[in-house]
Amino acid sequence: MIAAYIDEFIMFCAGLWMTAVGFGYLSFPTPGQGAQNAWLGNLVNHFRWMGPLLLVIAIILAIASPA
């Protein structure tokens, strides 16, 4: 039971971080130039929707988990 709460807390924190990086509140370090940098930039753009989705999932799981 406590493991479920820890898992939901980790998901919530990851969602906050992804949302902050996706919307530019936190910077995401990208190494050098090239194809990998473009790939990481594309991934960070997806954080704009993946972060809030992860937050919603964590909140729903916290509400639905048995007390």
N, C-alpha and C. Protein backbone atom coordinates (compact mmCIF):
# COMPACT_ATOMS: atom_id res chain seq x y z
N MET A 1 0.81 -1.18 0.00
CA MET A 1 0.00 0.00 0.00
C MET A 1 0.87 1.26 0.00
N ILE A 2 1.87 1.30 0.83
CA ILE A 2 2.74 2.47 0.86
C ILE A 2 3.53 2.57 -0.44
N ALA A 3 3.82 1.44 -1.07
CA ALA A 3 4.54 1.46 -2.34
C ALA A 3 3.72 2.13 -3.43
N ALA A 4 2.41 1.96 -3.39
CA ALA A 4 1.55 2.62 -4.38
C ALA A 4 1.60 4.13 -4.22
N TYR A 5 1.59 4.61 -2.98
CA TYR A 5 1.67 6.05 -2.74
C TYR A 5 3.02 6.61 -3.18
N ILE A 6 4.08 5.85 -2.95
CA ILE A 6 5.41 6.28 -3.38
C ILE A 6 5.46 6.36 -4.91
N ASP A 7 4.89 5.35 -5.57
CA ASP A 7 4.86 5.33 -7.03
C ASP A 7 4.07 6.52 -7.58
N GLU A 8 2.94 6.82 -6.97
CA GLU A 8 2.13 7.95 -7.42
C GLU A 8 2.85 9.28 -7.18
N PHE A 9 3.57 9.38 -6.07
CA PHE A 9 4.33 10.59 -5.78
C PHE A 9 5.44 10.79 -6.81
N ILE A 10 6.12 9.71 -7.17
CA ILE A 10 7.18 9.79 -8.19
C ILE A 10 6.59 10.19 -9.53
N MET A 11 5.43 9.60 -9.89
CA MET A 11 4.77 9.97 -11.14
C MET A 11 4.37 11.44 -11.14
N PHE A 12 3.87 11.93 -10.01
CA PHE A 12 3.46 13.33 -9.91
C PHE A 12 4.66 14.26 -10.08
N CYS A 13 5.76 13.94 -9.42
CA CYS A 13 6.98 14.77 -9.53
C CYS A 13 7.53 14.74 -10.95
N ALA A 14 7.51 13.57 -11.59
CA ALA A 14 7.98 13.48 -12.98
C ALA A 14 7.07 14.28 -13.90
N GLY A 15 5.78 14.26 -13.65
CA GLY A 15 4.85 15.06 -14.45
C GLY A 15 5.09 16.54 -14.29
N LEU A 16 5.37 16.98 -13.06
CA LEU A 16 5.69 18.39 -12.83
C LEU A 16 6.96 18.79 -13.58
N TRP A 17 7.98 17.93 -13.51
CA TRP A 17 9.24 18.23 -14.18
C TRP A 17 9.05 18.27 -15.70
N MET A 18 8.33 17.28 -16.25
CA MET A 18 8.12 17.24 -17.70
C MET A 18 7.33 18.46 -18.17
N THR A 19 6.33 18.87 -17.39
CA THR A 19 5.54 20.04 -17.75
C THR A 19 6.40 21.30 -17.72
N ALA A 20 7.21 21.44 -16.69
CA ALA A 20 8.07 22.62 -16.57
C ALA A 20 9.10 22.68 -17.69
N VAL A 21 9.67 21.56 -18.06
CA VAL A 21 10.64 21.54 -19.16
C VAL A 21 9.94 21.79 -20.49
N GLY A 22 8.78 21.17 -20.69
CA GLY A 22 8.06 21.33 -21.95
C GLY A 22 7.65 22.76 -22.23
N PHE A 23 7.25 23.49 -21.19
CA PHE A 23 6.82 24.86 -21.38
C PHE A 23 7.94 25.88 -21.17
N GLY A 24 9.16 25.41 -20.92
CA GLY A 24 10.32 26.28 -20.86
C GLY A 24 10.59 26.92 -19.52
N TYR A 25 9.93 26.49 -18.46
CA TYR A 25 10.22 27.04 -17.13
C TYR A 25 11.55 26.52 -16.59
N LEU A 26 11.92 25.32 -16.98
CA LEU A 26 13.23 24.74 -16.65
C LEU A 26 13.95 24.44 -17.95
N SER A 27 15.26 24.59 -17.95
CA SER A 27 16.01 24.29 -19.17
C SER A 27 16.40 22.82 -19.19
N PHE A 28 16.49 22.29 -20.39
CA PHE A 28 16.90 20.91 -20.60
C PHE A 28 18.24 20.95 -21.31
N PRO A 29 19.31 20.48 -20.67
CA PRO A 29 20.64 20.57 -21.30
C PRO A 29 20.74 19.65 -22.51
N THR A 30 21.15 20.21 -23.63
CA THR A 30 21.33 19.43 -24.85
C THR A 30 22.80 19.43 -25.23
N PRO A 31 23.38 18.27 -25.47
CA PRO A 31 24.81 18.19 -25.79
C PRO A 31 25.09 18.52 -27.26
N GLY A 32 25.90 19.53 -27.49
CA GLY A 32 26.41 19.83 -28.83
C GLY A 32 25.35 20.06 -29.89
N GLN A 33 25.76 19.92 -31.14
CA GLN A 33 24.88 20.08 -32.29
C GLN A 33 24.76 18.74 -33.00
N GLY A 34 23.81 18.64 -33.89
CA GLY A 34 23.69 17.43 -34.69
C GLY A 34 22.34 16.78 -34.57
N ALA A 35 22.29 15.53 -35.02
CA ALA A 35 21.02 14.80 -35.08
C ALA A 35 20.47 14.52 -33.68
N GLN A 36 21.34 14.24 -32.73
CA GLN A 36 20.87 13.95 -31.38
C GLN A 36 20.23 15.19 -30.76
N ASN A 37 20.77 16.36 -31.03
CA ASN A 37 20.21 17.59 -30.49
C ASN A 37 18.81 17.83 -31.05
N ALA A 38 18.60 17.57 -32.34
CA ALA A 38 17.28 17.73 -32.95
C ALA A 38 16.30 16.72 -32.36
N TRP A 39 16.75 15.51 -32.13
CA TRP A 39 15.90 14.48 -31.53
C TRP A 39 15.47 14.87 -30.12
N LEU A 40 16.40 15.39 -29.33
CA LEU A 40 16.07 15.83 -27.97
C LEU A 40 15.13 17.03 -27.99
N GLY A 41 15.31 17.93 -28.93
CA GLY A 41 14.40 19.07 -29.05
C GLY A 41 12.99 18.62 -29.37
N ASN A 42 12.87 17.63 -30.23
CA ASN A 42 11.56 17.07 -30.56
C ASN A 42 10.94 16.39 -29.35
N LEU A 43 11.75 15.68 -28.59
CA LEU A 43 11.25 15.01 -27.38
C LEU A 43 10.76 16.02 -26.36
N VAL A 44 11.50 17.11 -26.18
CA VAL A 44 11.10 18.14 -25.22
C VAL A 44 9.79 18.79 -25.64
N ASN A 45 9.55 18.93 -26.94
CA ASN A 45 8.27 19.47 -27.39
C ASN A 45 7.11 18.55 -27.01
N HIS A 46 7.33 17.26 -26.98
CA HIS A 46 6.29 16.32 -26.57
C HIS A 46 6.02 16.39 -25.07
N PHE A 47 6.96 16.91 -24.31
CA PHE A 47 6.75 17.05 -22.86
C PHE A 47 5.59 17.98 -22.55
N ARG A 48 5.21 18.84 -23.49
CA ARG A 48 4.10 19.77 -23.26
C ARG A 48 2.79 19.04 -23.03
N TRP A 49 2.59 17.91 -23.68
CA TRP A 49 1.36 17.16 -23.45
C TRP A 49 1.59 15.94 -22.57
N MET A 50 2.80 15.39 -22.58
CA MET A 50 3.06 14.20 -21.77
C MET A 50 3.11 14.52 -20.28
N GLY A 51 3.64 15.69 -19.91
CA GLY A 51 3.72 16.08 -18.51
C GLY A 51 2.35 16.23 -17.86
N PRO A 52 1.45 17.04 -18.45
CA PRO A 52 0.11 17.15 -17.85
C PRO A 52 -0.65 15.83 -17.84
N LEU A 53 -0.45 15.00 -18.87
CA LEU A 53 -1.11 13.70 -18.88
C LEU A 53 -0.62 12.84 -17.72
N LEU A 54 0.66 12.85 -17.46
CA LEU A 54 1.21 12.09 -16.34
C LEU A 54 0.70 12.61 -15.01
N LEU A 55 0.54 13.93 -14.89
CA LEU A 55 -0.04 14.51 -13.67
C LEU A 55 -1.47 14.02 -13.46
N VAL A 56 -2.27 14.02 -14.52
CA VAL A 56 -3.66 13.57 -14.41
C VAL A 56 -3.72 12.10 -14.02
N ILE A 57 -2.88 11.27 -14.62
CA ILE A 57 -2.86 9.85 -14.30
C ILE A 57 -2.47 9.64 -12.84
N ALA A 58 -1.47 10.36 -12.36
CA ALA A 58 -1.04 10.22 -10.96
C ALA A 58 -2.15 10.64 -10.01
N ILE A 59 -2.86 11.71 -10.33
CA ILE A 59 -3.95 12.17 -9.45
C ILE A 59 -5.10 11.18 -9.45
N ILE A 60 -5.46 10.65 -10.62
CA ILE A 60 -6.54 9.66 -10.69
C ILE A 60 -6.17 8.41 -9.91
N LEU A 61 -4.94 7.95 -10.04
CA LEU A 61 -4.52 6.76 -9.29
C LEU A 61 -4.51 7.02 -7.79
N ALA A 62 -4.14 8.23 -7.38
CA ALA A 62 -4.14 8.56 -5.95
C ALA A 62 -5.56 8.57 -5.40
N ILE A 63 -6.50 9.08 -6.18
CA ILE A 63 -7.89 9.11 -5.73
C ILE A 63 -8.49 7.71 -5.71
N ALA A 64 -8.17 6.90 -6.72
CA ALA A 64 -8.77 5.57 -6.84
C ALA A 64 -8.12 4.52 -5.95
N SER A 65 -6.95 4.79 -5.42
CA SER A 65 -6.28 3.78 -4.60
C SER A 65 -7.02 3.58 -3.28
N PRO A 66 -7.09 2.35 -2.82
CA PRO A 66 -7.81 2.08 -1.56
C PRO A 66 -7.11 2.71 -0.36
N ALA A 67 -7.89 3.20 0.54
CA ALA A 67 -7.33 3.87 1.73
C ALA A 67 -6.99 2.90 2.83
